[in-house]
């Protein structure tokens, strides 16, 4: 199993509709992309200033599935149509469960 975890911070122009649309678009990716088992997406509660706005964990069958996801048309469309127009910063980590102790 392979996980891709991200924290996204949006610019000041991002609206609640933008955030909700991004979350919905990310949640819709499993079933569209081979090897993507699950998408867990959460929007920050807004209790602490400086937090990221959205967090996601994508669970894949393998590292190869994640690599294919990166350039898959459905993923690229979410990036282009939803995320990039309102993105301020991003942080990612990939976790290969086969190599965790």
PDB file of N, CA and C in Angstrom:
ATOM      1  N   UNK A   1       0.839  -1.176   0.000  1.00  0.00           N
ATOM      2  CA  UNK A   1       0.000   0.000   0.000  1.00  0.00           C
ATOM      3  C   UNK A   1       0.885   1.239   0.000  1.00  0.00           C
ATOM      4  N   UNK A   2       0.402   2.289  -0.663  1.00  0.00           N
ATOM      5  CA  UNK A   2       1.148   3.527  -0.810  1.00  0.00           C
ATOM      6  C   UNK A   2       0.190   4.693  -0.563  1.00  0.00           C
ATOM      7  N   UNK A   3       0.634   5.657   0.230  1.00  0.00           N
ATOM      8  CA  UNK A   3      -0.226   6.806   0.540  1.00  0.00           C
ATOM      9  C   UNK A   3       0.425   8.112   0.080  1.00  0.00           C
ATOM     10  N   UNK A   4      -0.420   9.003  -0.374  1.00  0.00           N
ATOM     11  CA  UNK A   4      -0.025  10.356  -0.767  1.00  0.00           C
ATOM     12  C   UNK A   4      -0.849  11.300   0.102  1.00  0.00           C
ATOM     13  N   UNK A   5      -0.154  12.066   0.956  1.00  0.00           N
ATOM     14  CA  UNK A   5      -0.820  12.959   1.899  1.00  0.00           C
ATOM     15  C   UNK A   5      -0.467  14.393   1.532  1.00  0.00           C
ATOM     16  N   UNK A   6      -1.465  15.258   1.528  1.00  0.00           N
ATOM     17  CA  UNK A   6      -1.220  16.645   1.170  1.00  0.00           C
ATOM     18  C   UNK A   6      -1.927  17.623   2.079  1.00  0.00           C
ATOM     19  N   UNK A   7      -1.296  18.770   2.248  1.00  0.00           N
ATOM     20  CA  UNK A   7      -1.887  19.917   2.935  1.00  0.00           C
ATOM     21  C   UNK A   7      -1.895  21.069   1.942  1.00  0.00           C
ATOM     22  N   UNK A   8      -3.059  21.642   1.719  1.00  0.00           N
ATOM     23  CA  UNK A   8      -3.196  22.746   0.775  1.00  0.00           C
ATOM     24  C   UNK A   8      -3.642  24.000   1.514  1.00  0.00           C
ATOM     25  N   UNK A   9      -3.006  25.115   1.190  1.00  0.00           N
ATOM     26  CA  UNK A   9      -3.408  26.410   1.711  1.00  0.00           C
ATOM     27  C   UNK A   9      -3.844  27.247   0.519  1.00  0.00           C
ATOM     28  N   UNK A  10      -4.995  27.879   0.654  1.00  0.00           N
ATOM     29  CA  UNK A  10      -5.563  28.631  -0.456  1.00  0.00           C
ATOM     30  C   UNK A  10      -5.318  30.128  -0.293  1.00  0.00           C
ATOM     31  N   UNK A  11      -5.377  30.837  -1.411  1.00  0.00           N
ATOM     32  CA  UNK A  11      -5.186  32.283  -1.374  1.00  0.00           C
ATOM     33  C   UNK A  11      -6.439  32.969  -0.825  1.00  0.00           C
ATOM     34  N   UNK A  12      -6.346  34.275  -0.645  1.00  0.00           N
ATOM     35  CA  UNK A  12      -7.442  35.036  -0.037  1.00  0.00           C
ATOM     36  C   UNK A  12      -8.686  35.092  -0.913  1.00  0.00           C
ATOM     37  N   UNK A  13      -8.543  34.799  -2.187  1.00  0.00           N
ATOM     38  CA  UNK A  13      -9.687  34.827  -3.101  1.00  0.00           C
ATOM     39  C   UNK A  13     -10.512  33.544  -3.045  1.00  0.00           C
ATOM     40  N   UNK A  14     -10.005  32.516  -2.399  1.00  0.00           N
ATOM     41  CA  UNK A  14     -10.720  31.236  -2.317  1.00  0.00           C
ATOM     42  C   UNK A  14     -11.982  31.397  -1.470  1.00  0.00           C
ATOM     43  N   UNK A  15     -13.067  30.837  -1.965  1.00  0.00           N
ATOM     44  CA  UNK A  15     -14.348  30.897  -1.263  1.00  0.00           C
ATOM     45  C   UNK A  15     -14.679  29.530  -0.670  1.00  0.00           C
ATOM     46  N   UNK A  16     -15.716  29.496   0.126  1.00  0.00           N
ATOM     47  CA  UNK A  16     -16.206  28.220   0.653  1.00  0.00           C
ATOM     48  C   UNK A  16     -16.582  27.295  -0.496  1.00  0.00           C
ATOM     49  N   UNK A  17     -17.162  27.853  -1.547  1.00  0.00           N
ATOM     50  CA  UNK A  17     -17.508  27.042  -2.721  1.00  0.00           C
ATOM     51  C   UNK A  17     -16.269  26.438  -3.367  1.00  0.00           C
ATOM     52  N   UNK A  18     -15.167  27.204  -3.430  1.00  0.00           N
ATOM     53  CA  UNK A  18     -13.911  26.664  -3.963  1.00  0.00           C
ATOM     54  C   UNK A  18     -13.438  25.488  -3.124  1.00  0.00           C
ATOM     55  N   UNK A  19     -13.411  25.672  -1.816  1.00  0.00           N
ATOM     56  CA  UNK A  19     -12.936  24.611  -0.916  1.00  0.00           C
ATOM     57  C   UNK A  19     -13.802  23.362  -1.034  1.00  0.00           C
ATOM     58  N   UNK A  20     -15.115  23.568  -1.016  1.00  0.00           N
ATOM     59  CA  UNK A  20     -16.033  22.433  -1.127  1.00  0.00           C
ATOM     60  C   UNK A  20     -15.901  21.740  -2.478  1.00  0.00           C
ATOM     61  N   UNK A  21     -15.716  22.524  -3.529  1.00  0.00           N
ATOM     62  CA  UNK A  21     -15.552  21.956  -4.868  1.00  0.00           C
ATOM     63  C   UNK A  21     -14.281  21.135  -4.992  1.00  0.00           C
ATOM     64  N   UNK A  22     -13.205  21.607  -4.384  1.00  0.00           N
ATOM     65  CA  UNK A  22     -11.945  20.862  -4.395  1.00  0.00           C
ATOM     66  C   UNK A  22     -12.112  19.555  -3.636  1.00  0.00           C
ATOM     67  N   UNK A  23     -12.712  19.627  -2.464  1.00  0.00           N
ATOM     68  CA  UNK A  23     -12.929  18.412  -1.671  1.00  0.00           C
ATOM     69  C   UNK A  23     -13.769  17.406  -2.446  1.00  0.00           C
ATOM     70  N   UNK A  24     -14.837  17.865  -3.058  1.00  0.00           N
ATOM     71  CA  UNK A  24     -15.714  16.979  -3.830  1.00  0.00           C
ATOM     72  C   UNK A  24     -14.976  16.372  -5.023  1.00  0.00           C
ATOM     73  N   UNK A  25     -14.194  17.189  -5.720  1.00  0.00           N
ATOM     74  CA  UNK A  25     -13.453  16.699  -6.887  1.00  0.00           C
ATOM     75  C   UNK A  25     -12.412  15.651  -6.487  1.00  0.00           C
ATOM     76  N   UNK A  26     -11.715  15.871  -5.377  1.00  0.00           N
ATOM     77  CA  UNK A  26     -10.732  14.892  -4.908  1.00  0.00           C
ATOM     78  C   UNK A  26     -11.404  13.594  -4.478  1.00  0.00           C
ATOM     79  N   UNK A  27     -12.534  13.722  -3.787  1.00  0.00           N
ATOM     80  CA  UNK A  27     -13.259  12.522  -3.336  1.00  0.00           C
ATOM     81  C   UNK A  27     -13.801  11.696  -4.497  1.00  0.00           C
ATOM     82  N   UNK A  28     -13.987  12.312  -5.642  1.00  0.00           N
ATOM     83  CA  UNK A  28     -14.528  11.613  -6.815  1.00  0.00           C
ATOM     84  C   UNK A  28     -13.467  10.852  -7.607  1.00  0.00           C
ATOM     85  N   UNK A  29     -12.196  11.036  -7.300  1.00  0.00           N
ATOM     86  CA  UNK A  29     -11.131  10.407  -8.094  1.00  0.00           C
ATOM     87  C   UNK A  29     -11.061   8.882  -7.991  1.00  0.00           C
ATOM     88  N   UNK A  30     -11.282   8.272  -6.821  1.00  0.00           N
ATOM     89  CA  UNK A  30     -11.295   6.802  -6.802  1.00  0.00           C
ATOM     90  C   UNK A  30     -12.398   6.298  -7.742  1.00  0.00           C
ATOM     91  N   UNK A  31     -12.090   5.272  -8.482  1.00  0.00           N
ATOM     92  CA  UNK A  31     -13.031   4.782  -9.482  1.00  0.00           C
ATOM     93  C   UNK A  31     -12.748   5.351 -10.860  1.00  0.00           C
ATOM     94  N   UNK A  32     -12.087   6.511 -10.903  1.00  0.00           N
ATOM     95  CA  UNK A  32     -11.679   7.108 -12.172  1.00  0.00           C
ATOM     96  C   UNK A  32     -10.229   6.776 -12.506  1.00  0.00           C
ATOM     97  N   UNK A  33      -9.447   6.505 -11.467  1.00  0.00           N
ATOM     98  CA  UNK A  33      -8.012   6.287 -11.646  1.00  0.00           C
ATOM     99  C   UNK A  33      -7.659   4.894 -11.141  1.00  0.00           C
ATOM    100  N   UNK A  34      -7.157   4.037 -12.013  1.00  0.00           N
ATOM    101  CA  UNK A  34      -6.796   2.674 -11.595  1.00  0.00           C
ATOM    102  C   UNK A  34      -5.777   2.686 -10.456  1.00  0.00           C
ATOM    103  N   UNK A  35      -6.012   1.845  -9.467  1.00  0.00           N
ATOM    104  CA  UNK A  35      -5.088   1.714  -8.350  1.00  0.00           C
ATOM    105  C   UNK A  35      -5.329   2.676  -7.208  1.00  0.00           C
ATOM    106  N   UNK A  36      -6.159   3.695  -7.418  1.00  0.00           N
ATOM    107  CA  UNK A  36      -6.499   4.626  -6.340  1.00  0.00           C
ATOM    108  C   UNK A  36      -7.667   4.028  -5.572  1.00  0.00           C
ATOM    109  N   UNK A  37      -7.373   3.535  -4.372  1.00  0.00           N
ATOM    110  CA  UNK A  37      -8.370   2.832  -3.568  1.00  0.00           C
ATOM    111  C   UNK A  37      -9.323   3.768  -2.838  1.00  0.00           C
ATOM    112  N   UNK A  38      -8.764   4.849  -2.277  1.00  0.00           N
ATOM    113  CA  UNK A  38      -9.576   5.694  -1.398  1.00  0.00           C
ATOM    114  C   UNK A  38      -9.020   7.108  -1.361  1.00  0.00           C
ATOM    115  N   UNK A  39      -9.923   8.090  -1.233  1.00  0.00           N
ATOM    116  CA  UNK A  39      -9.547   9.489  -1.050  1.00  0.00           C
ATOM    117  C   UNK A  39     -10.249  10.008   0.196  1.00  0.00           C
ATOM    118  N   UNK A  40      -9.469  10.373   1.194  1.00  0.00           N
ATOM    119  CA  UNK A  40     -10.005  10.972   2.417  1.00  0.00           C
ATOM    120  C   UNK A  40      -9.652  12.458   2.382  1.00  0.00           C
ATOM    121  N   UNK A  41     -10.662  13.305   2.485  1.00  0.00           N
ATOM    122  CA  UNK A  41     -10.451  14.744   2.365  1.00  0.00           C
ATOM    123  C   UNK A  41     -11.148  15.442   3.528  1.00  0.00           C
ATOM    124  N   UNK A  42     -10.432  16.365   4.170  1.00  0.00           N
ATOM    125  CA  UNK A  42     -11.000  17.128   5.284  1.00  0.00           C
ATOM    126  C   UNK A  42     -10.671  18.601   5.109  1.00  0.00           C
ATOM    127  N   UNK A  43     -11.629  19.442   5.462  1.00  0.00           N
ATOM    128  CA  UNK A  43     -11.440  20.888   5.431  1.00  0.00           C
ATOM    129  C   UNK A  43     -11.169  21.355   6.856  1.00  0.00           C
ATOM    130  N   UNK A  44     -10.169  22.222   7.015  1.00  0.00           N
ATOM    131  CA  UNK A  44      -9.786  22.717   8.334  1.00  0.00           C
ATOM    132  C   UNK A  44     -10.965  23.406   9.020  1.00  0.00           C
ATOM    133  N   UNK A  45     -11.068  23.235  10.322  1.00  0.00           N
ATOM    134  CA  UNK A  45     -12.155  23.825  11.108  1.00  0.00           C
ATOM    135  C   UNK A  45     -11.989  25.331  11.305  1.00  0.00           C
ATOM    136  N   UNK A  46     -10.812  25.853  10.989  1.00  0.00           N
ATOM    137  CA  UNK A  46     -10.602  27.291  11.087  1.00  0.00           C
ATOM    138  C   UNK A  46     -10.399  27.815  12.496  1.00  0.00           C
ATOM    139  N   UNK A  47      -9.932  26.970  13.388  1.00  0.00           N
ATOM    140  CA  UNK A  47      -9.773  27.373  14.785  1.00  0.00           C
ATOM    141  C   UNK A  47      -8.437  28.041  15.081  1.00  0.00           C
ATOM    142  N   UNK A  48      -7.428  27.773  14.256  1.00  0.00           N
ATOM    143  CA  UNK A  48      -6.095  28.307  14.495  1.00  0.00           C
ATOM    144  C   UNK A  48      -5.573  28.968  13.230  1.00  0.00           C
ATOM    145  N   UNK A  49      -5.172  30.211  13.345  1.00  0.00           N
ATOM    146  CA  UNK A  49      -4.629  30.929  12.199  1.00  0.00           C
ATOM    147  C   UNK A  49      -3.315  30.286  11.759  1.00  0.00           C
ATOM    148  N   UNK A  50      -3.098  30.252  10.469  1.00  0.00           N
ATOM    149  CA  UNK A  50      -1.871  29.695   9.926  1.00  0.00           C
ATOM    150  C   UNK A  50      -1.968  28.238   9.532  1.00  0.00           C
ATOM    151  N   UNK A  51      -3.077  27.590   9.866  1.00  0.00           N
ATOM    152  CA  UNK A  51      -3.265  26.194   9.446  1.00  0.00           C
ATOM    153  C   UNK A  51      -3.475  26.112   7.941  1.00  0.00           C
ATOM    154  N   UNK A  52      -3.227  24.939   7.398  1.00  0.00           N
ATOM    155  CA  UNK A  52      -3.611  24.666   6.018  1.00  0.00           C
ATOM    156  C   UNK A  52      -5.136  24.658   5.948  1.00  0.00           C
ATOM    157  N   UNK A  53      -5.676  24.826   4.753  1.00  0.00           N
ATOM    158  CA  UNK A  53      -7.128  24.870   4.568  1.00  0.00           C
ATOM    159  C   UNK A  53      -7.747  23.507   4.303  1.00  0.00           C
ATOM    160  N   UNK A  54      -6.984  22.608   3.707  1.00  0.00           N
ATOM    161  CA  UNK A  54      -7.524  21.305   3.316  1.00  0.00           C
ATOM    162  C   UNK A  54      -6.431  20.256   3.437  1.00  0.00           C
ATOM    163  N   UNK A  55      -6.824  19.081   3.892  1.00  0.00           N
ATOM    164  CA  UNK A  55      -5.901  17.954   4.039  1.00  0.00           C
ATOM    165  C   UNK A  55      -6.494  16.761   3.312  1.00  0.00           C
ATOM    166  N   UNK A  56      -5.647  16.013   2.626  1.00  0.00           N
ATOM    167  CA  UNK A  56      -6.143  14.793   1.985  1.00  0.00           C
ATOM    168  C   UNK A  56      -5.147  13.658   2.135  1.00  0.00           C
ATOM    169  N   UNK A  57      -5.680  12.445   2.121  1.00  0.00           N
ATOM    170  CA  UNK A  57      -4.877  11.230   2.059  1.00  0.00           C
ATOM    171  C   UNK A  57      -5.436  10.381   0.932  1.00  0.00           C
ATOM    172  N   UNK A  58      -4.598  10.088  -0.047  1.00  0.00           N
ATOM    173  CA  UNK A  58      -4.961   9.203  -1.148  1.00  0.00           C
ATOM    174  C   UNK A  58      -4.268   7.869  -0.899  1.00  0.00           C
ATOM    175  N   UNK A  59      -5.011   6.788  -0.953  1.00  0.00           N
ATOM    176  CA  UNK A  59      -4.467   5.457  -0.721  1.00  0.00           C
ATOM    177  C   UNK A  59      -4.448   4.696  -2.037  1.00  0.00           C
ATOM    178  N   UNK A  60      -3.270   4.197  -2.385  1.00  0.00           N
ATOM    179  CA  UNK A  60      -3.046   3.498  -3.651  1.00  0.00           C
ATOM    180  C   UNK A  60      -2.647   2.051  -3.412  1.00  0.00           C
ATOM    181  N   UNK A  61      -2.849   1.233  -4.434  1.00  0.00           N
ATOM    182  CA  UNK A  61      -2.398  -0.159  -4.397  1.00  0.00           C
ATOM    183  C   UNK A  61      -0.882  -0.245  -4.276  1.00  0.00           C
ATOM    184  N   UNK A  62      -0.194   0.693  -4.945  1.00  0.00           N
ATOM    185  CA  UNK A  62       1.263   0.600  -5.049  1.00  0.00           C
ATOM    186  C   UNK A  62       1.854   1.955  -5.418  1.00  0.00           C
ATOM    187  N   UNK A  63       3.157   2.055  -5.327  1.00  0.00           N
ATOM    188  CA  UNK A  63       3.865   3.255  -5.765  1.00  0.00           C
ATOM    189  C   UNK A  63       3.628   3.485  -7.249  1.00  0.00           C
ATOM    190  N   UNK A  64       3.602   2.419  -8.032  1.00  0.00           N
ATOM    191  CA  UNK A  64       3.362   2.539  -9.477  1.00  0.00           C
ATOM    192  C   UNK A  64       1.993   3.159  -9.758  1.00  0.00           C
ATOM    193  N   UNK A  65       0.992   2.816  -8.955  1.00  0.00           N
ATOM    194  CA  UNK A  65      -0.345   3.408  -9.122  1.00  0.00           C
ATOM    195  C   UNK A  65      -0.312   4.907  -8.832  1.00  0.00           C
ATOM    196  N   UNK A  66       0.430   5.303  -7.794  1.00  0.00           N
ATOM    197  CA  UNK A  66       0.575   6.727  -7.485  1.00  0.00           C
ATOM    198  C   UNK A  66       1.284   7.452  -8.626  1.00  0.00           C
ATOM    199  N   UNK A  67       2.321   6.834  -9.167  1.00  0.00           N
ATOM    200  CA  UNK A  67       3.051   7.460 -10.271  1.00  0.00           C
ATOM    201  C   UNK A  67       2.140   7.672 -11.478  1.00  0.00           C
ATOM    202  N   UNK A  68       1.269   6.711 -11.766  1.00  0.00           N
ATOM    203  CA  UNK A  68       0.327   6.845 -12.881  1.00  0.00           C
ATOM    204  C   UNK A  68      -0.716   7.935 -12.588  1.00  0.00           C
ATOM    205  N   UNK A  69      -1.135   8.040 -11.346  1.00  0.00           N
ATOM    206  CA  UNK A  69      -2.108   9.056 -10.907  1.00  0.00           C
ATOM    207  C   UNK A  69      -1.601  10.463 -11.181  1.00  0.00           C
ATOM    208  N   UNK A  70      -0.330  10.676 -10.999  1.00  0.00           N
ATOM    209  CA  UNK A  70       0.250  12.011 -11.127  1.00  0.00           C
ATOM    210  C   UNK A  70      -0.021  12.649 -12.478  1.00  0.00           C
ATOM    211  N   UNK A  71      -0.079  11.828 -13.535  1.00  0.00           N
ATOM    212  CA  UNK A  71      -0.302  12.366 -14.878  1.00  0.00           C
ATOM    213  C   UNK A  71      -1.645  11.947 -15.470  1.00  0.00           C
ATOM    214  N   UNK A  72      -2.472  11.276 -14.687  1.00  0.00           N
ATOM    215  CA  UNK A  72      -3.786  10.837 -15.173  1.00  0.00           C
ATOM    216  C   UNK A  72      -4.661  12.064 -15.466  1.00  0.00           C
ATOM    217  N   UNK A  73      -5.411  12.011 -16.548  1.00  0.00           N
ATOM    218  CA  UNK A  73      -6.229  13.146 -16.983  1.00  0.00           C
ATOM    219  C   UNK A  73      -7.212  13.620 -15.910  1.00  0.00           C
ATOM    220  N   UNK A  74      -7.805  12.715 -15.159  1.00  0.00           N
ATOM    221  CA  UNK A  74      -8.769  13.112 -14.122  1.00  0.00           C
ATOM    222  C   UNK A  74      -8.082  13.907 -13.011  1.00  0.00           C
ATOM    223  N   UNK A  75      -6.888  13.492 -12.614  1.00  0.00           N
ATOM    224  CA  UNK A  75      -6.132  14.212 -11.587  1.00  0.00           C
ATOM    225  C   UNK A  75      -5.679  15.570 -12.109  1.00  0.00           C
ATOM    226  N   UNK A  76      -5.158  15.593 -13.323  1.00  0.00           N
ATOM    227  CA  UNK A  76      -4.701  16.846 -13.922  1.00  0.00           C
ATOM    228  C   UNK A  76      -5.862  17.839 -14.036  1.00  0.00           C
ATOM    229  N   UNK A  77      -7.051  17.355 -14.360  1.00  0.00           N
ATOM    230  CA  UNK A  77      -8.223  18.231 -14.458  1.00  0.00           C
ATOM    231  C   UNK A  77      -8.570  18.847 -13.103  1.00  0.00           C
ATOM    232  N   UNK A  78      -8.485  18.067 -12.033  1.00  0.00           N
ATOM    233  CA  UNK A  78      -8.751  18.609 -10.693  1.00  0.00           C
ATOM    234  C   UNK A  78      -7.723  19.693 -10.364  1.00  0.00           C
ATOM    235  N   UNK A  79      -6.468  19.428 -10.664  1.00  0.00           N
ATOM    236  CA  UNK A  79      -5.427  20.425 -10.419  1.00  0.00           C
ATOM    237  C   UNK A  79      -5.689  21.704 -11.199  1.00  0.00           C
ATOM    238  N   UNK A  80      -5.923  21.561 -12.490  1.00  0.00           N
ATOM    239  CA  UNK A  80      -6.073  22.708 -13.383  1.00  0.00           C
ATOM    240  C   UNK A  80      -7.356  23.488 -13.130  1.00  0.00           C
ATOM    241  N   UNK A  81      -8.457  22.775 -12.985  1.00  0.00           N
ATOM    242  CA  UNK A  81      -9.767  23.426 -12.889  1.00  0.00           C
ATOM    243  C   UNK A  81     -10.120  23.904 -11.486  1.00  0.00           C
ATOM    244  N   UNK A  82      -9.627  23.226 -10.470  1.00  0.00           N
ATOM    245  CA  UNK A  82     -10.067  23.525  -9.108  1.00  0.00           C
ATOM    246  C   UNK A  82      -8.962  24.056  -8.192  1.00  0.00           C
ATOM    247  N   UNK A  83      -7.821  23.373  -8.170  1.00  0.00           N
ATOM    248  CA  UNK A  83      -6.806  23.682  -7.153  1.00  0.00           C
ATOM    249  C   UNK A  83      -5.916  24.861  -7.538  1.00  0.00           C
ATOM    250  N   UNK A  84      -5.281  24.802  -8.692  1.00  0.00           N
ATOM    251  CA  UNK A  84      -4.298  25.830  -9.053  1.00  0.00           C
ATOM    252  C   UNK A  84      -4.837  27.259  -9.036  1.00  0.00           C
ATOM    253  N   UNK A  85      -6.092  27.504  -9.447  1.00  0.00           N
ATOM    254  CA  UNK A  85      -6.572  28.893  -9.433  1.00  0.00           C
ATOM    255  C   UNK A  85      -6.624  29.536  -8.044  1.00  0.00           C
ATOM    256  N   UNK A  86      -6.685  28.744  -6.983  1.00  0.00           N
ATOM    257  CA  UNK A  86      -6.802  29.315  -5.627  1.00  0.00           C
ATOM    258  C   UNK A  86      -5.677  28.873  -4.688  1.00  0.00           C
ATOM    259  N   UNK A  87      -4.675  28.184  -5.202  1.00  0.00           N
ATOM    260  CA  UNK A  87      -3.613  27.629  -4.367  1.00  0.00           C
ATOM    261  C   UNK A  87      -2.582  28.680  -3.978  1.00  0.00           C
ATOM    262  N   UNK A  88      -2.275  28.732  -2.687  1.00  0.00           N
ATOM    263  CA  UNK A  88      -1.220  29.595  -2.179  1.00  0.00           C
ATOM    264  C   UNK A  88       0.034  28.782  -1.867  1.00  0.00           C
ATOM    265  N   UNK A  89      -0.148  27.637  -1.177  1.00  0.00           N
ATOM    266  CA  UNK A  89       0.994  26.769  -0.875  1.00  0.00           C
ATOM    267  C   UNK A  89       0.524  25.333  -0.704  1.00  0.00           C
ATOM    268  N   UNK A  90       1.493  24.430  -0.781  1.00  0.00           N
ATOM    269  CA  UNK A  90       1.191  22.998  -0.679  1.00  0.00           C
ATOM    270  C   UNK A  90       2.354  22.281  -0.023  1.00  0.00           C
ATOM    271  N   UNK A  91       2.039  21.206   0.676  1.00  0.00           N
ATOM    272  CA  UNK A  91       3.037  20.328   1.275  1.00  0.00           C
ATOM    273  C   UNK A  91       2.550  18.906   1.097  1.00  0.00           C
ATOM    274  N   UNK A  92       3.449  18.021   0.678  1.00  0.00           N
ATOM    275  CA  UNK A  92       3.077  16.630   0.440  1.00  0.00           C
ATOM    276  C   UNK A  92       4.061  15.690   1.117  1.00  0.00           C
ATOM    277  N   UNK A  93       3.592  14.492   1.384  1.00  0.00           N
ATOM    278  CA  UNK A  93       4.453  13.399   1.821  1.00  0.00           C
ATOM    279  C   UNK A  93       3.900  12.127   1.198  1.00  0.00           C
ATOM    280  N   UNK A  94       4.802  11.263   0.768  1.00  0.00           N
ATOM    281  CA  UNK A  94       4.407   9.952   0.250  1.00  0.00           C
ATOM    282  C   UNK A  94       4.914   8.904   1.228  1.00  0.00           C
ATOM    283  N   UNK A  95       4.053   7.937   1.510  1.00  0.00           N
ATOM    284  CA  UNK A  95       4.375   6.913   2.499  1.00  0.00           C
ATOM    285  C   UNK A  95       4.249   5.554   1.844  1.00  0.00           C
ATOM    286  N   UNK A  96       5.350   4.830   1.792  1.00  0.00           N
ATOM    287  CA  UNK A  96       5.348   3.470   1.251  1.00  0.00           C
ATOM    288  C   UNK A  96       5.213   2.520   2.430  1.00  0.00           C
ATOM    289  N   UNK A  97       4.024   1.975   2.603  1.00  0.00           N
ATOM    290  CA  UNK A  97       3.736   1.112   3.753  1.00  0.00           C
ATOM    291  C   UNK A  97       4.629  -0.128   3.782  1.00  0.00           C
ATOM    292  N   UNK A  98       5.134  -0.552   2.635  1.00  0.00           N
ATOM    293  CA  UNK A  98       5.999  -1.730   2.580  1.00  0.00           C
ATOM    294  C   UNK A  98       7.352  -1.492   3.243  1.00  0.00           C
ATOM    295  N   UNK A  99       7.722  -0.215   3.421  1.00  0.00           N
ATOM    296  CA  UNK A  99       9.035   0.094   3.980  1.00  0.00           C
ATOM    297  C   UNK A  99       8.959   0.766   5.344  1.00  0.00           C
ATOM    298  N   UNK A 100       7.810   0.730   5.989  1.00  0.00           N
ATOM    299  CA  UNK A 100       7.666   1.303   7.328  1.00  0.00           C
ATOM    300  C   UNK A 100       8.030   0.248   8.367  1.00  0.00           C
ATOM    301  N   UNK A 101       8.691   0.682   9.428  1.00  0.00           N
ATOM    302  CA  UNK A 101       9.069  -0.271  10.481  1.00  0.00           C
ATOM    303  C   UNK A 101       8.109  -0.218  11.638  1.00  0.00           C
TER     304      UNK A 101
END
